[in-house]
Amino acid sequence: MEPVNIDNIKAQMRKGILEYCILSILSKGDAYASVIINELKNSEMIVVEGTLYPLLTRQKNQGLLSYRWEESTQGPPRKYYSITERGQSVLDELDKVWADLVSTIEHIRNK
């Protein structure tokens, strides 16, 4: 019998909702990558920079995010990400999808 790798299953589930989490974080205010990573880690959604940057680039290329450079008093300039109107629309839709998904899973689990 093949062993079950729970950690792998958990990682795949988290990866699937990471883009939703990024939009959710940025809907509360502009942030640079380290702040986004810390927010995800504080929520036990572990992610590394090597995972985050490609997602931010993809979301920017899709028009969901924009960015600007700001000088920092603690080192080099920082790239601050912002959610766009399109990104907010997508987030609103993902909120509905998430609620439906949670409801469906609860229905299956409690049947």
PDB file of N, CA and C in Angstrom:
ATOM      1  N   MET A   1       0.856  -1.175   0.000  1.00  0.00           N
ATOM      2  CA  MET A   1       0.000   0.000   0.000  1.00  0.00           C
ATOM      3  C   MET A   1       0.903   1.239   0.000  1.00  0.00           C
ATOM      4  N   GLU A   2       0.575   2.180  -0.873  1.00  0.00           N
ATOM      5  CA  GLU A   2       1.368   3.417  -0.999  1.00  0.00           C
ATOM      6  C   GLU A   2       1.131   4.329   0.213  1.00  0.00           C
ATOM      7  N   PRO A   3       2.208   4.888   0.772  1.00  0.00           N
ATOM      8  CA  PRO A   3       2.039   5.788   1.926  1.00  0.00           C
ATOM      9  C   PRO A   3       1.351   7.087   1.513  1.00  0.00           C
ATOM     10  N   VAL A   4       0.649   7.678   2.461  1.00  0.00           N
ATOM     11  CA  VAL A   4      -0.024   8.957   2.239  1.00  0.00           C
ATOM     12  C   VAL A   4       0.891  10.067   2.748  1.00  0.00           C
ATOM     13  N   ASN A   5       1.179  11.015   1.877  1.00  0.00           N
ATOM     14  CA  ASN A   5       2.037  12.134   2.255  1.00  0.00           C
ATOM     15  C   ASN A   5       1.144  13.339   2.567  1.00  0.00           C
ATOM     16  N   ILE A   6       0.725  13.445   3.823  1.00  0.00           N
ATOM     17  CA  ILE A   6      -0.180  14.523   4.250  1.00  0.00           C
ATOM     18  C   ILE A   6       0.443  15.892   4.006  1.00  0.00           C
ATOM     19  N   ASP A   7       1.750  16.021   4.264  1.00  0.00           N
ATOM     20  CA  ASP A   7       2.412  17.309   4.053  1.00  0.00           C
ATOM     21  C   ASP A   7       2.316  17.746   2.597  1.00  0.00           C
ATOM     22  N   ASN A   8       2.444  16.807   1.672  1.00  0.00           N
ATOM     23  CA  ASN A   8       2.332  17.133   0.254  1.00  0.00           C
ATOM     24  C   ASN A   8       0.908  17.573  -0.096  1.00  0.00           C
ATOM     25  N   ILE A   9      -0.061  16.896   0.436  1.00  0.00           N
ATOM     26  CA  ILE A   9      -1.467  17.263   0.193  1.00  0.00           C
ATOM     27  C   ILE A   9      -1.735  18.665   0.731  1.00  0.00           C
ATOM     28  N   LYS A  10      -1.261  18.934   1.942  1.00  0.00           N
ATOM     29  CA  LYS A  10      -1.449  20.262   2.530  1.00  0.00           C
ATOM     30  C   LYS A  10      -0.770  21.333   1.683  1.00  0.00           C
ATOM     31  N   ALA A  11       0.440  21.048   1.204  1.00  0.00           N
ATOM     32  CA  ALA A  11       1.176  22.018   0.382  1.00  0.00           C
ATOM     33  C   ALA A  11       0.416  22.304  -0.914  1.00  0.00           C
ATOM     34  N   GLN A  12      -0.151  21.282  -1.528  1.00  0.00           N
ATOM     35  CA  GLN A  12      -0.908  21.474  -2.769  1.00  0.00           C
ATOM     36  C   GLN A  12      -2.176  22.296  -2.523  1.00  0.00           C
ATOM     37  N   MET A  13      -2.833  22.050  -1.411  1.00  0.00           N
ATOM     38  CA  MET A  13      -4.033  22.823  -1.076  1.00  0.00           C
ATOM     39  C   MET A  13      -3.675  24.293  -0.860  1.00  0.00           C
ATOM     40  N   ARG A  14      -2.590  24.537  -0.141  1.00  0.00           N
ATOM     41  CA  ARG A  14      -2.164  25.919   0.115  1.00  0.00           C
ATOM     42  C   ARG A  14      -1.781  26.618  -1.175  1.00  0.00           C
ATOM     43  N   LYS A  15      -1.050  25.928  -2.035  1.00  0.00           N
ATOM     44  CA  LYS A  15      -0.607  26.522  -3.301  1.00  0.00           C
ATOM     45  C   LYS A  15      -1.815  26.958  -4.133  1.00  0.00           C
ATOM     46  N   GLY A  16      -2.874  26.171  -4.071  1.00  0.00           N
ATOM     47  CA  GLY A  16      -4.068  26.483  -4.846  1.00  0.00           C
ATOM     48  C   GLY A  16      -4.780  27.754  -4.408  1.00  0.00           C
ATOM     49  N   ILE A  17      -4.614  28.147  -3.159  1.00  0.00           N
ATOM     50  CA  ILE A  17      -5.314  29.340  -2.683  1.00  0.00           C
ATOM     51  C   ILE A  17      -4.382  30.524  -2.433  1.00  0.00           C
ATOM     52  N   LEU A  18      -3.127  30.371  -2.771  1.00  0.00           N
ATOM     53  CA  LEU A  18      -2.148  31.423  -2.508  1.00  0.00           C
ATOM     54  C   LEU A  18      -2.460  32.723  -3.244  1.00  0.00           C
ATOM     55  N   GLU A  19      -2.856  32.633  -4.511  1.00  0.00           N
ATOM     56  CA  GLU A  19      -3.160  33.849  -5.268  1.00  0.00           C
ATOM     57  C   GLU A  19      -4.350  34.581  -4.658  1.00  0.00           C
ATOM     58  N   TYR A  20      -5.322  33.843  -4.184  1.00  0.00           N
ATOM     59  CA  TYR A  20      -6.477  34.423  -3.503  1.00  0.00           C
ATOM     60  C   TYR A  20      -6.022  35.146  -2.237  1.00  0.00           C
ATOM     61  N   CYS A  21      -5.121  34.522  -1.483  1.00  0.00           N
ATOM     62  CA  CYS A  21      -4.605  35.127  -0.254  1.00  0.00           C
ATOM     63  C   CYS A  21      -3.845  36.423  -0.545  1.00  0.00           C
ATOM     64  N   ILE A  22      -3.050  36.439  -1.606  1.00  0.00           N
ATOM     65  CA  ILE A  22      -2.286  37.640  -1.969  1.00  0.00           C
ATOM     66  C   ILE A  22      -3.240  38.793  -2.277  1.00  0.00           C
ATOM     67  N   LEU A  23      -4.258  38.535  -3.071  1.00  0.00           N
ATOM     68  CA  LEU A  23      -5.237  39.585  -3.387  1.00  0.00           C
ATOM     69  C   LEU A  23      -5.936  40.057  -2.116  1.00  0.00           C
ATOM     70  N   SER A  24      -6.256  39.127  -1.222  1.00  0.00           N
ATOM     71  CA  SER A  24      -6.927  39.491   0.031  1.00  0.00           C
ATOM     72  C   SER A  24      -6.052  40.408   0.879  1.00  0.00           C
ATOM     73  N   ILE A  25      -4.763  40.078   0.978  1.00  0.00           N
ATOM     74  CA  ILE A  25      -3.847  40.906   1.760  1.00  0.00           C
ATOM     75  C   ILE A  25      -3.752  42.304   1.158  1.00  0.00           C
ATOM     76  N   LEU A  26      -3.585  42.382  -0.157  1.00  0.00           N
ATOM     77  CA  LEU A  26      -3.420  43.691  -0.804  1.00  0.00           C
ATOM     78  C   LEU A  26      -4.708  44.498  -0.840  1.00  0.00           C
ATOM     79  N   SER A  27      -5.856  43.852  -0.668  1.00  0.00           N
ATOM     80  CA  SER A  27      -7.118  44.599  -0.625  1.00  0.00           C
ATOM     81  C   SER A  27      -7.205  45.443   0.644  1.00  0.00           C
ATOM     82  N   LYS A  28      -6.372  45.118   1.637  1.00  0.00           N
ATOM     83  CA  LYS A  28      -6.360  45.858   2.900  1.00  0.00           C
ATOM     84  C   LYS A  28      -5.378  47.016   2.878  1.00  0.00           C
ATOM     85  N   GLY A  29      -4.521  47.049   1.846  1.00  0.00           N
ATOM     86  CA  GLY A  29      -3.543  48.129   1.740  1.00  0.00           C
ATOM     87  C   GLY A  29      -2.324  47.689   0.953  1.00  0.00           C
ATOM     88  N   ASP A  30      -1.613  48.653   0.417  1.00  0.00           N
ATOM     89  CA  ASP A  30      -0.408  48.382  -0.361  1.00  0.00           C
ATOM     90  C   ASP A  30       0.652  47.731   0.531  1.00  0.00           C
ATOM     91  N   ALA A  31       1.469  46.874  -0.074  1.00  0.00           N
ATOM     92  CA  ALA A  31       2.505  46.195   0.700  1.00  0.00           C
ATOM     93  C   ALA A  31       3.643  45.777  -0.208  1.00  0.00           C
ATOM     94  N   TYR A  32       4.824  45.624   0.379  1.00  0.00           N
ATOM     95  CA  TYR A  32       5.949  45.089  -0.371  1.00  0.00           C
ATOM     96  C   TYR A  32       6.083  43.604  -0.017  1.00  0.00           C
ATOM     97  N   ALA A  33       6.903  42.892  -0.774  1.00  0.00           N
ATOM     98  CA  ALA A  33       6.942  41.433  -0.703  1.00  0.00           C
ATOM     99  C   ALA A  33       7.181  40.898   0.708  1.00  0.00           C
ATOM    100  N   SER A  34       8.093  41.488   1.453  1.00  0.00           N
ATOM    101  CA  SER A  34       8.391  40.983   2.803  1.00  0.00           C
ATOM    102  C   SER A  34       7.170  41.066   3.718  1.00  0.00           C
ATOM    103  N   VAL A  35       6.389  42.115   3.574  1.00  0.00           N
ATOM    104  CA  VAL A  35       5.168  42.261   4.378  1.00  0.00           C
ATOM    105  C   VAL A  35       4.157  41.186   3.989  1.00  0.00           C
ATOM    106  N   ILE A  36       4.028  40.933   2.694  1.00  0.00           N
ATOM    107  CA  ILE A  36       3.099  39.896   2.221  1.00  0.00           C
ATOM    108  C   ILE A  36       3.528  38.534   2.769  1.00  0.00           C
ATOM    109  N   ILE A  37       4.825  38.230   2.680  1.00  0.00           N
ATOM    110  CA  ILE A  37       5.330  36.958   3.190  1.00  0.00           C
ATOM    111  C   ILE A  37       5.068  36.845   4.696  1.00  0.00           C
ATOM    112  N   ASN A  38       5.331  37.899   5.441  1.00  0.00           N
ATOM    113  CA  ASN A  38       5.094  37.864   6.894  1.00  0.00           C
ATOM    114  C   ASN A  38       3.627  37.652   7.219  1.00  0.00           C
ATOM    115  N   GLU A  39       2.766  38.315   6.477  1.00  0.00           N
ATOM    116  CA  GLU A  39       1.318  38.145   6.691  1.00  0.00           C
ATOM    117  C   GLU A  39       0.911  36.693   6.436  1.00  0.00           C
ATOM    118  N   LEU A  40       1.431  36.119   5.368  1.00  0.00           N
ATOM    119  CA  LEU A  40       1.126  34.719   5.061  1.00  0.00           C
ATOM    120  C   LEU A  40       1.678  33.791   6.144  1.00  0.00           C
ATOM    121  N   LYS A  41       2.901  34.043   6.579  1.00  0.00           N
ATOM    122  CA  LYS A  41       3.504  33.203   7.628  1.00  0.00           C
ATOM    123  C   LYS A  41       2.747  33.332   8.944  1.00  0.00           C
ATOM    124  N   ASN A  42       2.332  34.554   9.294  1.00  0.00           N
ATOM    125  CA  ASN A  42       1.564  34.766  10.527  1.00  0.00           C
ATOM    126  C   ASN A  42       0.230  34.036  10.492  1.00  0.00           C
ATOM    127  N   SER A  43      -0.260  33.774   9.298  1.00  0.00           N
ATOM    128  CA  SER A  43      -1.516  33.044   9.131  1.00  0.00           C
ATOM    129  C   SER A  43      -1.268  31.559   8.901  1.00  0.00           C
ATOM    130  N   GLU A  44      -0.016  31.136   9.118  1.00  0.00           N
ATOM    131  CA  GLU A  44       0.408  29.748   8.936  1.00  0.00           C
ATOM    132  C   GLU A  44       0.281  29.277   7.495  1.00  0.00           C
ATOM    133  N   MET A  45       0.361  30.216   6.561  1.00  0.00           N
ATOM    134  CA  MET A  45       0.393  29.916   5.137  1.00  0.00           C
ATOM    135  C   MET A  45       1.846  30.120   4.722  1.00  0.00           C
ATOM    136  N   ILE A  46       2.672  29.125   4.981  1.00  0.00           N
ATOM    137  CA  ILE A  46       4.114  29.246   4.777  1.00  0.00           C
ATOM    138  C   ILE A  46       4.423  29.391   3.289  1.00  0.00           C
ATOM    139  N   VAL A  47       5.229  30.387   2.969  1.00  0.00           N
ATOM    140  CA  VAL A  47       5.623  30.630   1.582  1.00  0.00           C
ATOM    141  C   VAL A  47       7.005  31.266   1.595  1.00  0.00           C
ATOM    142  N   VAL A  48       7.763  30.998   0.558  1.00  0.00           N
ATOM    143  CA  VAL A  48       9.102  31.584   0.434  1.00  0.00           C
ATOM    144  C   VAL A  48       9.109  32.566  -0.727  1.00  0.00           C
ATOM    145  N   GLU A  49      10.118  33.437  -0.744  1.00  0.00           N
ATOM    146  CA  GLU A  49      10.196  34.460  -1.794  1.00  0.00           C
ATOM    147  C   GLU A  49      10.179  33.852  -3.178  1.00  0.00           C
ATOM    148  N   GLY A  50      10.843  32.707  -3.347  1.00  0.00           N
ATOM    149  CA  GLY A  50      10.901  32.052  -4.650  1.00  0.00           C
ATOM    150  C   GLY A  50       9.541  31.619  -5.165  1.00  0.00           C
ATOM    151  N   THR A  51       8.594  31.447  -4.264  1.00  0.00           N
ATOM    152  CA  THR A  51       7.213  31.116  -4.643  1.00  0.00           C
ATOM    153  C   THR A  51       6.406  32.387  -4.878  1.00  0.00           C
ATOM    154  N   LEU A  52       6.628  33.386  -4.034  1.00  0.00           N
ATOM    155  CA  LEU A  52       5.815  34.598  -4.072  1.00  0.00           C
ATOM    156  C   LEU A  52       6.060  35.450  -5.320  1.00  0.00           C
ATOM    157  N   TYR A  53       7.317  35.693  -5.662  1.00  0.00           N
ATOM    158  CA  TYR A  53       7.616  36.615  -6.763  1.00  0.00           C
ATOM    159  C   TYR A  53       7.008  36.204  -8.106  1.00  0.00           C
ATOM    160  N   PRO A  54       7.065  34.925  -8.491  1.00  0.00           N
ATOM    161  CA  PRO A  54       6.402  34.550  -9.749  1.00  0.00           C
ATOM    162  C   PRO A  54       4.893  34.788  -9.719  1.00  0.00           C
ATOM    163  N   LEU A  55       4.270  34.571  -8.553  1.00  0.00           N
ATOM    164  CA  LEU A  55       2.828  34.819  -8.437  1.00  0.00           C
ATOM    165  C   LEU A  55       2.520  36.307  -8.558  1.00  0.00           C
ATOM    166  N   LEU A  56       3.325  37.143  -7.904  1.00  0.00           N
ATOM    167  CA  LEU A  56       3.129  38.592  -8.004  1.00  0.00           C
ATOM    168  C   LEU A  56       3.308  39.054  -9.455  1.00  0.00           C
ATOM    169  N   THR A  57       4.306  38.520 -10.132  1.00  0.00           N
ATOM    170  CA  THR A  57       4.539  38.898 -11.534  1.00  0.00           C
ATOM    171  C   THR A  57       3.364  38.465 -12.401  1.00  0.00           C
ATOM    172  N   ARG A  58       2.879  37.245 -12.203  1.00  0.00           N
ATOM    173  CA  ARG A  58       1.739  36.767 -12.988  1.00  0.00           C
ATOM    174  C   ARG A  58       0.502  37.632 -12.737  1.00  0.00           C
ATOM    175  N   GLN A  59       0.243  37.951 -11.469  1.00  0.00           N
ATOM    176  CA  GLN A  59      -0.921  38.774 -11.155  1.00  0.00           C
ATOM    177  C   GLN A  59      -0.765  40.185 -11.732  1.00  0.00           C
ATOM    178  N   LYS A  60       0.445  40.709 -11.740  1.00  0.00           N
ATOM    179  CA  LYS A  60       0.685  42.018 -12.352  1.00  0.00           C
ATOM    180  C   LYS A  60       0.430  41.944 -13.856  1.00  0.00           C
ATOM    181  N   ASN A  61       0.933  40.901 -14.503  1.00  0.00           N
ATOM    182  CA  ASN A  61       0.747  40.739 -15.942  1.00  0.00           C
ATOM    183  C   ASN A  61      -0.716  40.536 -16.316  1.00  0.00           C
ATOM    184  N   GLN A  62      -1.503  40.013 -15.400  1.00  0.00           N
ATOM    185  CA  GLN A  62      -2.942  39.834 -15.632  1.00  0.00           C
ATOM    186  C   GLN A  62      -3.739  41.104 -15.324  1.00  0.00           C
ATOM    187  N   GLY A  63      -3.043  42.142 -14.851  1.00  0.00           N
ATOM    188  CA  GLY A  63      -3.710  43.398 -14.527  1.00  0.00           C
ATOM    189  C   GLY A  63      -4.395  43.405 -13.179  1.00  0.00           C
ATOM    190  N   LEU A  64      -4.063  42.429 -12.323  1.00  0.00           N
ATOM    191  CA  LEU A  64      -4.693  42.353 -11.008  1.00  0.00           C
ATOM    192  C   LEU A  64      -3.966  43.208  -9.976  1.00  0.00           C
ATOM    193  N   LEU A  65      -2.673  43.436 -10.238  1.00  0.00           N
ATOM    194  CA  LEU A  65      -1.834  44.225  -9.339  1.00  0.00           C
ATOM    195  C   LEU A  65      -1.076  45.271 -10.129  1.00  0.00           C
ATOM    196  N   SER A  66      -0.683  46.318  -9.436  1.00  0.00           N
ATOM    197  CA  SER A  66       0.271  47.279  -9.983  1.00  0.00           C
ATOM    198  C   SER A  66       1.337  47.459  -8.910  1.00  0.00           C
ATOM    199  N   TYR A  67       2.402  48.144  -9.243  1.00  0.00           N
ATOM    200  CA  TYR A  67       3.428  48.400  -8.238  1.00  0.00           C
ATOM    201  C   TYR A  67       4.072  49.748  -8.458  1.00  0.00           C
ATOM    202  N   ARG A  68       4.715  50.211  -7.411  1.00  0.00           N
ATOM    203  CA  ARG A  68       5.478  51.457  -7.467  1.00  0.00           C
ATOM    204  C   ARG A  68       6.703  51.280  -6.583  1.00  0.00           C
ATOM    205  N   TRP A  69       7.745  52.027  -6.902  1.00  0.00           N
ATOM    206  CA  TRP A  69       8.956  52.003  -6.083  1.00  0.00           C
ATOM    207  C   TRP A  69       8.901  53.143  -5.075  1.00  0.00           C
ATOM    208  N   GLU A  70       9.297  52.851  -3.835  1.00  0.00           N
ATOM    209  CA  GLU A  70       9.375  53.876  -2.791  1.00  0.00           C
ATOM    210  C   GLU A  70      10.725  53.785  -2.114  1.00  0.00           C
ATOM    211  N   GLU A  71      11.306  54.951  -1.848  1.00  0.00           N
ATOM    212  CA  GLU A  71      12.564  54.988  -1.107  1.00  0.00           C
ATOM    213  C   GLU A  71      12.338  54.425   0.293  1.00  0.00           C
ATOM    214  N   SER A  72      13.363  53.794   0.825  1.00  0.00           N
ATOM    215  CA  SER A  72      13.292  53.228   2.167  1.00  0.00           C
ATOM    216  C   SER A  72      14.377  53.841   3.030  1.00  0.00           C
ATOM    217  N   THR A  73      14.053  54.061   4.302  1.00  0.00           N
ATOM    218  CA  THR A  73      15.066  54.564   5.231  1.00  0.00           C
ATOM    219  C   THR A  73      15.985  53.440   5.684  1.00  0.00           C
ATOM    220  N   GLN A  74      15.592  52.205   5.389  1.00  0.00           N
ATOM    221  CA  GLN A  74      16.358  51.033   5.827  1.00  0.00           C
ATOM    222  C   GLN A  74      16.817  50.222   4.621  1.00  0.00           C
ATOM    223  N   GLY A  75      17.617  50.809   3.753  1.00  0.00           N
ATOM    224  CA  GLY A  75      18.154  50.057   2.630  1.00  0.00           C
ATOM    225  C   GLY A  75      17.658  50.553   1.282  1.00  0.00           C
ATOM    226  N   PRO A  76      17.653  49.651   0.307  1.00  0.00           N
ATOM    227  CA  PRO A  76      17.284  50.044  -1.066  1.00  0.00           C
ATOM    228  C   PRO A  76      15.791  50.364  -1.192  1.00  0.00           C
ATOM    229  N   PRO A  77      15.402  50.985  -2.308  1.00  0.00           N
ATOM    230  CA  PRO A  77      13.973  51.257  -2.530  1.00  0.00           C
ATOM    231  C   PRO A  77      13.162  49.960  -2.505  1.00  0.00           C
ATOM    232  N   ARG A  78      11.911  50.083  -2.121  1.00  0.00           N
ATOM    233  CA  ARG A  78      11.025  48.914  -2.030  1.00  0.00           C
ATOM    234  C   ARG A  78       9.943  48.996  -3.099  1.00  0.00           C
ATOM    235  N   LYS A  79       9.600  47.844  -3.640  1.00  0.00           N
ATOM    236  CA  LYS A  79       8.522  47.743  -4.617  1.00  0.00           C
ATOM    237  C   LYS A  79       7.226  47.459  -3.851  1.00  0.00           C
ATOM    238  N   TYR A  80       6.321  48.442  -3.861  1.00  0.00           N
ATOM    239  CA  TYR A  80       5.034  48.292  -3.193  1.00  0.00           C
ATOM    240  C   TYR A  80       3.984  47.843  -4.209  1.00  0.00           C
ATOM    241  N   TYR A  81       3.257  46.787  -3.857  1.00  0.00           N
ATOM    242  CA  TYR A  81       2.206  46.247  -4.712  1.00  0.00           C
ATOM    243  C   TYR A  81       0.856  46.787  -4.257  1.00  0.00           C
ATOM    244  N   SER A  82      -0.016  47.034  -5.237  1.00  0.00           N
ATOM    245  CA  SER A  82      -1.382  47.509  -4.988  1.00  0.00           C
ATOM    246  C   SER A  82      -2.341  46.651  -5.788  1.00  0.00           C
ATOM    247  N   ILE A  83      -3.517  46.443  -5.246  1.00  0.00           N
ATOM    248  CA  ILE A  83      -4.548  45.740  -6.002  1.00  0.00           C
ATOM    249  C   ILE A  83      -5.211  46.748  -6.944  1.00  0.00           C
ATOM    250  N   THR A  84      -5.486  46.334  -8.164  1.00  0.00           N
ATOM    251  CA  THR A  84      -6.137  47.207  -9.147  1.00  0.00           C
ATOM    252  C   THR A  84      -7.654  47.006  -9.077  1.00  0.00           C
ATOM    253  N   GLU A  85      -8.377  47.818  -9.837  1.00  0.00           N
ATOM    254  CA  GLU A  85      -9.837  47.626  -9.910  1.00  0.00           C
ATOM    255  C   GLU A  85     -10.161  46.232 -10.417  1.00  0.00           C
ATOM    256  N   ARG A  86      -9.438  45.809 -11.444  1.00  0.00           N
ATOM    257  CA  ARG A  86      -9.651  44.465 -11.983  1.00  0.00           C
ATOM    258  C   ARG A  86      -9.345  43.414 -10.917  1.00  0.00           C
ATOM    259  N   GLY A  87      -8.256  43.625 -10.174  1.00  0.00           N
ATOM    260  CA  GLY A  87      -7.901  42.705  -9.096  1.00  0.00           C
ATOM    261  C   GLY A  87      -8.983  42.634  -8.035  1.00  0.00           C
ATOM    262  N   GLN A  88      -9.576  43.776  -7.701  1.00  0.00           N
ATOM    263  CA  GLN A  88     -10.658  43.795  -6.713  1.00  0.00           C
ATOM    264  C   GLN A  88     -11.879  43.044  -7.230  1.00  0.00           C
ATOM    265  N   SER A  89     -12.180  43.194  -8.516  1.00  0.00           N
ATOM    266  CA  SER A  89     -13.305  42.456  -9.116  1.00  0.00           C
ATOM    267  C   SER A  89     -13.062  40.953  -9.059  1.00  0.00           C
ATOM    268  N   VAL A  90     -11.829  40.555  -9.384  1.00  0.00           N
ATOM    269  CA  VAL A  90     -11.481  39.133  -9.316  1.00  0.00           C
ATOM    270  C   VAL A  90     -11.570  38.645  -7.876  1.00  0.00           C
ATOM    271  N   LEU A  91     -11.073  39.442  -6.928  1.00  0.00           N
ATOM    272  CA  LEU A  91     -11.152  39.067  -5.515  1.00  0.00           C
ATOM    273  C   LEU A  91     -12.602  38.907  -5.073  1.00  0.00           C
ATOM    274  N   ASP A  92     -13.470  39.815  -5.488  1.00  0.00           N
ATOM    275  CA  ASP A  92     -14.890  39.709  -5.135  1.00  0.00           C
ATOM    276  C   ASP A  92     -15.483  38.402  -5.652  1.00  0.00           C
ATOM    277  N   GLU A  93     -15.106  38.024  -6.872  1.00  0.00           N
ATOM    278  CA  GLU A  93     -15.582  36.763  -7.453  1.00  0.00           C
ATOM    279  C   GLU A  93     -14.999  35.572  -6.694  1.00  0.00           C
ATOM    280  N   LEU A  94     -13.715  35.648  -6.346  1.00  0.00           N
ATOM    281  CA  LEU A  94     -13.082  34.557  -5.602  1.00  0.00           C
ATOM    282  C   LEU A  94     -13.690  34.407  -4.210  1.00  0.00           C
ATOM    283  N   ASP A  95     -14.128  35.522  -3.609  1.00  0.00           N
ATOM    284  CA  ASP A  95     -14.825  35.434  -2.319  1.00  0.00           C
ATOM    285  C   ASP A  95     -16.075  34.570  -2.446  1.00  0.00           C
ATOM    286  N   LYS A  96     -16.814  34.758  -3.541  1.00  0.00           N
ATOM    287  CA  LYS A  96     -18.024  33.951  -3.774  1.00  0.00           C
ATOM    288  C   LYS A  96     -17.660  32.488  -4.019  1.00  0.00           C
ATOM    289  N   VAL A  97     -16.632  32.270  -4.825  1.00  0.00           N
ATOM    290  CA  VAL A  97     -16.186  30.902  -5.124  1.00  0.00           C
ATOM    291  C   VAL A  97     -15.748  30.209  -3.833  1.00  0.00           C
ATOM    292  N   TRP A  98     -14.988  30.921  -2.988  1.00  0.00           N
ATOM    293  CA  TRP A  98     -14.519  30.346  -1.728  1.00  0.00           C
ATOM    294  C   TRP A  98     -15.701  29.973  -0.831  1.00  0.00           C
ATOM    295  N   ALA A  99     -16.668  30.872  -0.696  1.00  0.00           N
ATOM    296  CA  ALA A  99     -17.842  30.590   0.139  1.00  0.00           C
ATOM    297  C   ALA A  99     -18.593  29.367  -0.387  1.00  0.00           C
ATOM    298  N   ASP A 100     -18.748  29.276  -1.702  1.00  0.00           N
ATOM    299  CA  ASP A 100     -19.418  28.116  -2.296  1.00  0.00           C
ATOM    300  C   ASP A 100     -18.633  26.833  -2.041  1.00  0.00           C
ATOM    301  N   LEU A 101     -17.313  26.920  -2.171  1.00  0.00           N
ATOM    302  CA  LEU A 101     -16.469  25.748  -1.964  1.00  0.00           C
ATOM    303  C   LEU A 101     -16.541  25.264  -0.519  1.00  0.00           C
ATOM    304  N   VAL A 102     -16.465  26.185   0.424  1.00  0.00           N
ATOM    305  CA  VAL A 102     -16.552  25.818   1.841  1.00  0.00           C
ATOM    306  C   VAL A 102     -17.920  25.181   2.123  1.00  0.00           C
ATOM    307  N   SER A 103     -18.969  25.753   1.580  1.00  0.00           N
ATOM    308  CA  SER A 103     -20.309  25.215   1.770  1.00  0.00           C
ATOM    309  C   SER A 103     -20.420  23.802   1.194  1.00  0.00           C
ATOM    310  N   THR A 104     -19.851  23.601   0.014  1.00  0.00           N
ATOM    311  CA  THR A 104     -19.888  22.287  -0.629  1.00  0.00           C
ATOM    312  C   THR A 104     -19.144  21.254   0.204  1.00  0.00           C
ATOM    313  N   ILE A 105     -17.959  21.627   0.689  1.00  0.00           N
ATOM    314  CA  ILE A 105     -17.167  20.691   1.495  1.00  0.00           C
ATOM    315  C   ILE A 105     -17.897  20.358   2.802  1.00  0.00           C
ATOM    316  N   GLU A 106     -18.473  21.385   3.435  1.00  0.00           N
ATOM    317  CA  GLU A 106     -19.229  21.132   4.667  1.00  0.00           C
ATOM    318  C   GLU A 106     -20.403  20.208   4.398  1.00  0.00           C
ATOM    319  N   HIS A 107     -21.061  20.385   3.273  1.00  0.00           N
ATOM    320  CA  HIS A 107     -22.194  19.522   2.905  1.00  0.00           C
ATOM    321  C   HIS A 107     -21.718  18.074   2.739  1.00  0.00           C
ATOM    322  N   ILE A 108     -20.615  17.884   2.025  1.00  0.00           N
ATOM    323  CA  ILE A 108     -20.083  16.534   1.799  1.00  0.00           C
ATOM    324  C   ILE A 108     -19.635  15.912   3.115  1.00  0.00           C
ATOM    325  N   ARG A 109     -18.946  16.675   3.945  1.00  0.00           N
ATOM    326  CA  ARG A 109     -18.424  16.156   5.206  1.00  0.00           C
ATOM    327  C   ARG A 109     -19.536  15.795   6.195  1.00  0.00           C
ATOM    328  N   ASN A 110     -20.640  16.531   6.154  1.00  0.00           N
ATOM    329  CA  ASN A 110     -21.712  16.329   7.137  1.00  0.00           C
ATOM    330  C   ASN A 110     -22.859  15.472   6.622  1.00  0.00           C
ATOM    331  N   LYS A 111     -22.716  14.944   5.444  1.00  0.00           N
ATOM    332  CA  LYS A 111     -23.783  14.142   4.850  1.00  0.00           C
ATOM    333  C   LYS A 111     -23.823  12.767   5.471  1.00  0.00           C
TER     334      LYS A 111
END
